[in-house]
Amino acid sequence: MAKRWRDRIMHAAFLALRPMTLGVRGVALDEGRVLLVKHGYLPGWHFPGGGVEAGESCEQALLREMEEEACLVVEGPLQLHGLFQNIHMTRRDHVAVYVARRFRITGER
């Protein structure tokens, strides 16, 4: 219960400081396989990704996040799948989803 209230307070503070949010997710596909990551702060399996920082393009943010979260280096062009509104968080949360078909895994996380 306390975590729930803390999350709500943090989210409200985040919205006050950053009225619109932009995030990215990457779908890494390789011969019928898809890459998913498990976060310590979120239940379940997810596509790697995160927030786009000021002065950073969506593609730059995704390349950074995929390296940080999955030790994955994209070696081919990213294809924009779509731009989505994440209404489960807030009406102001948007996520750009890209597909990567050429990449290499440089380690294990």
C-alpha atoms as a PDB file:
ATOM      1  CA  MET A   1       0.000   0.000   0.000  1.00  0.00           C
ATOM      2  CA  ALA A   2       2.803   2.428   0.881  1.00  0.00           C
ATOM      3  CA  LYS A   3       4.558   1.662  -2.408  1.00  0.00           C
ATOM      4  CA  ARG A   4       1.361   2.430  -4.291  1.00  0.00           C
ATOM      5  CA  TRP A   5       1.066   5.862  -2.671  1.00  0.00           C
ATOM      6  CA  ARG A   6       4.749   6.559  -3.197  1.00  0.00           C
ATOM      7  CA  ASP A   7       4.417   5.690  -6.885  1.00  0.00           C
ATOM      8  CA  ARG A   8       1.405   7.982  -7.257  1.00  0.00           C
ATOM      9  CA  ILE A   9       3.203  10.872  -5.560  1.00  0.00           C
ATOM     10  CA  MET A  10       6.321  10.371  -7.675  1.00  0.00           C
ATOM     11  CA  HIS A  11       4.216  10.187 -10.841  1.00  0.00           C
ATOM     12  CA  ALA A  12       2.373  13.408  -9.934  1.00  0.00           C
ATOM     13  CA  ALA A  13       5.671  15.186  -9.279  1.00  0.00           C
ATOM     14  CA  PHE A  14       7.034  13.891 -12.572  1.00  0.00           C
ATOM     15  CA  LEU A  15       3.976  15.220 -14.431  1.00  0.00           C
ATOM     16  CA  ALA A  16       4.345  18.626 -12.804  1.00  0.00           C
ATOM     17  CA  LEU A  17       7.942  18.860 -13.976  1.00  0.00           C
ATOM     18  CA  ARG A  18       7.451  17.176 -17.335  1.00  0.00           C
ATOM     19  CA  PRO A  19       3.905  17.591 -18.650  1.00  0.00           C
ATOM     20  CA  MET A  20       4.408  15.323 -21.680  1.00  0.00           C
ATOM     21  CA  THR A  21       6.558  12.234 -21.638  1.00  0.00           C
ATOM     22  CA  LEU A  22       8.158  10.460 -24.567  1.00  0.00           C
ATOM     23  CA  GLY A  23       9.556   6.973 -24.370  1.00  0.00           C
ATOM     24  CA  VAL A  24      10.891   4.345 -26.736  1.00  0.00           C
ATOM     25  CA  ARG A  25      10.662   0.566 -26.966  1.00  0.00           C
ATOM     26  CA  GLY A  26      12.611  -1.760 -29.211  1.00  0.00           C
ATOM     27  CA  VAL A  27      11.401  -4.998 -30.754  1.00  0.00           C
ATOM     28  CA  ALA A  28      14.529  -7.022 -31.600  1.00  0.00           C
ATOM     29  CA  LEU A  29      13.559  -9.882 -33.939  1.00  0.00           C
ATOM     30  CA  ASP A  30      15.938 -12.659 -34.991  1.00  0.00           C
ATOM     31  CA  GLU A  31      14.849 -15.834 -36.818  1.00  0.00           C
ATOM     32  CA  GLY A  32      11.503 -16.156 -35.049  1.00  0.00           C
ATOM     33  CA  ARG A  33      12.832 -15.035 -31.658  1.00  0.00           C
ATOM     34  CA  VAL A  34      12.060 -11.805 -29.836  1.00  0.00           C
ATOM     35  CA  LEU A  35      14.143 -10.150 -27.130  1.00  0.00           C
ATOM     36  CA  LEU A  36      12.407  -9.342 -23.828  1.00  0.00           C
ATOM     37  CA  VAL A  37      13.851  -7.993 -20.581  1.00  0.00           C
ATOM     38  CA  LYS A  38      12.730  -8.300 -16.991  1.00  0.00           C
ATOM     39  CA  HIS A  39      13.024  -5.186 -14.839  1.00  0.00           C
ATOM     40  CA  GLY A  40      13.433  -5.158 -11.088  1.00  0.00           C
ATOM     41  CA  TYR A  41      10.869  -2.358 -10.743  1.00  0.00           C
ATOM     42  CA  LEU A  42       8.123  -3.727 -13.040  1.00  0.00           C
ATOM     43  CA  PRO A  43       6.514  -7.180 -13.076  1.00  0.00           C
ATOM     44  CA  GLY A  44       6.649  -9.351 -16.186  1.00  0.00           C
ATOM     45  CA  TRP A  45       8.678  -9.302 -19.399  1.00  0.00           C
ATOM     46  CA  HIS A  46       8.948  -6.232 -21.631  1.00  0.00           C
ATOM     47  CA  PHE A  47      10.609  -4.882 -24.742  1.00  0.00           C
ATOM     48  CA  PRO A  48      13.756  -2.936 -23.834  1.00  0.00           C
ATOM     49  CA  GLY A  49      13.356   0.817 -23.771  1.00  0.00           C
ATOM     50  CA  GLY A  50      12.967   3.890 -21.639  1.00  0.00           C
ATOM     51  CA  GLY A  51      12.636   7.640 -21.663  1.00  0.00           C
ATOM     52  CA  VAL A  52      13.928  10.058 -24.276  1.00  0.00           C
ATOM     53  CA  GLU A  53      16.153  12.675 -22.651  1.00  0.00           C
ATOM     54  CA  ALA A  54      16.245  16.360 -23.622  1.00  0.00           C
ATOM     55  CA  GLY A  55      18.383  16.861 -26.738  1.00  0.00           C
ATOM     56  CA  GLU A  56      18.232  13.165 -27.631  1.00  0.00           C
ATOM     57  CA  SER A  57      16.460  11.686 -30.655  1.00  0.00           C
ATOM     58  CA  CYS A  58      14.140   8.704 -30.242  1.00  0.00           C
ATOM     59  CA  GLU A  59      16.612   6.490 -32.121  1.00  0.00           C
ATOM     60  CA  GLN A  60      19.537   7.640 -29.959  1.00  0.00           C
ATOM     61  CA  ALA A  61      17.512   6.935 -26.815  1.00  0.00           C
ATOM     62  CA  LEU A  62      16.582   3.477 -28.021  1.00  0.00           C
ATOM     63  CA  LEU A  63      20.154   2.557 -28.963  1.00  0.00           C
ATOM     64  CA  ARG A  64      21.293   3.675 -25.486  1.00  0.00           C
ATOM     65  CA  GLU A  65      18.503   1.812 -23.696  1.00  0.00           C
ATOM     66  CA  MET A  66      19.009  -1.430 -25.649  1.00  0.00           C
ATOM     67  CA  GLU A  67      22.722  -1.386 -24.805  1.00  0.00           C
ATOM     68  CA  GLU A  68      22.058  -0.632 -21.119  1.00  0.00           C
ATOM     69  CA  GLU A  69      19.210  -3.094 -20.585  1.00  0.00           C
ATOM     70  CA  ALA A  70      20.082  -5.974 -22.904  1.00  0.00           C
ATOM     71  CA  CYS A  71      23.736  -5.623 -23.996  1.00  0.00           C
ATOM     72  CA  LEU A  72      22.385  -5.321 -27.531  1.00  0.00           C
ATOM     73  CA  VAL A  73      24.037  -3.286 -30.296  1.00  0.00           C
ATOM     74  CA  VAL A  74      21.879  -2.531 -33.327  1.00  0.00           C
ATOM     75  CA  GLU A  75      23.794  -3.089 -36.570  1.00  0.00           C
ATOM     76  CA  GLY A  76      21.126  -2.235 -39.113  1.00  0.00           C
ATOM     77  CA  PRO A  77      18.510   0.442 -39.571  1.00  0.00           C
ATOM     78  CA  LEU A  78      15.727   0.807 -37.053  1.00  0.00           C
ATOM     79  CA  GLN A  79      12.229   0.713 -38.508  1.00  0.00           C
ATOM     80  CA  LEU A  80       9.573   2.835 -36.815  1.00  0.00           C
ATOM     81  CA  HIS A  81       6.602   0.581 -36.111  1.00  0.00           C
ATOM     82  CA  GLY A  82       4.431   3.322 -34.638  1.00  0.00           C
ATOM     83  CA  LEU A  83       3.913   6.087 -32.132  1.00  0.00           C
ATOM     84  CA  PHE A  84       1.469   5.162 -29.381  1.00  0.00           C
ATOM     85  CA  GLN A  85      -0.258   6.916 -26.530  1.00  0.00           C
ATOM     86  CA  ASN A  86       0.151   4.979 -23.280  1.00  0.00           C
ATOM     87  CA  ILE A  87      -3.183   5.708 -21.616  1.00  0.00           C
ATOM     88  CA  HIS A  88      -2.443   3.258 -18.796  1.00  0.00           C
ATOM     89  CA  MET A  89      -0.036   5.814 -17.324  1.00  0.00           C
ATOM     90  CA  THR A  90      -1.535   9.160 -18.356  1.00  0.00           C
ATOM     91  CA  ARG A  91      -2.987  10.834 -21.423  1.00  0.00           C
ATOM     92  CA  ARG A  92       0.354  12.622 -21.839  1.00  0.00           C
ATOM     93  CA  ASP A  93       2.582   9.540 -22.114  1.00  0.00           C
ATOM     94  CA  HIS A  94       3.737   8.590 -25.633  1.00  0.00           C
ATOM     95  CA  VAL A  95       5.918   5.700 -26.776  1.00  0.00           C
ATOM     96  CA  ALA A  96       7.718   5.278 -30.110  1.00  0.00           C
ATOM     97  CA  VAL A  97       8.151   1.596 -30.978  1.00  0.00           C
ATOM     98  CA  TYR A  98      10.956   0.537 -33.315  1.00  0.00           C
ATOM     99  CA  VAL A  99      11.858  -2.819 -34.862  1.00  0.00           C
ATOM    100  CA  ALA A 100      15.495  -3.960 -35.105  1.00  0.00           C
ATOM    101  CA  ARG A 101      16.270  -6.959 -37.295  1.00  0.00           C
ATOM    102  CA  ARG A 102      20.090  -6.730 -37.405  1.00  0.00           C
ATOM    103  CA  PHE A 103      21.891  -6.622 -34.080  1.00  0.00           C
ATOM    104  CA  ARG A 104      24.374  -8.447 -31.904  1.00  0.00           C
ATOM    105  CA  ILE A 105      24.373  -9.325 -28.246  1.00  0.00           C
ATOM    106  CA  THR A 106      27.601  -8.205 -26.570  1.00  0.00           C
ATOM    107  CA  GLY A 107      27.077  -9.715 -23.127  1.00  0.00           C
ATOM    108  CA  GLU A 108      24.549 -10.991 -20.660  1.00  0.00           C
ATOM    109  CA  ARG A 109      22.356  -9.097 -18.219  1.00  0.00           C
END
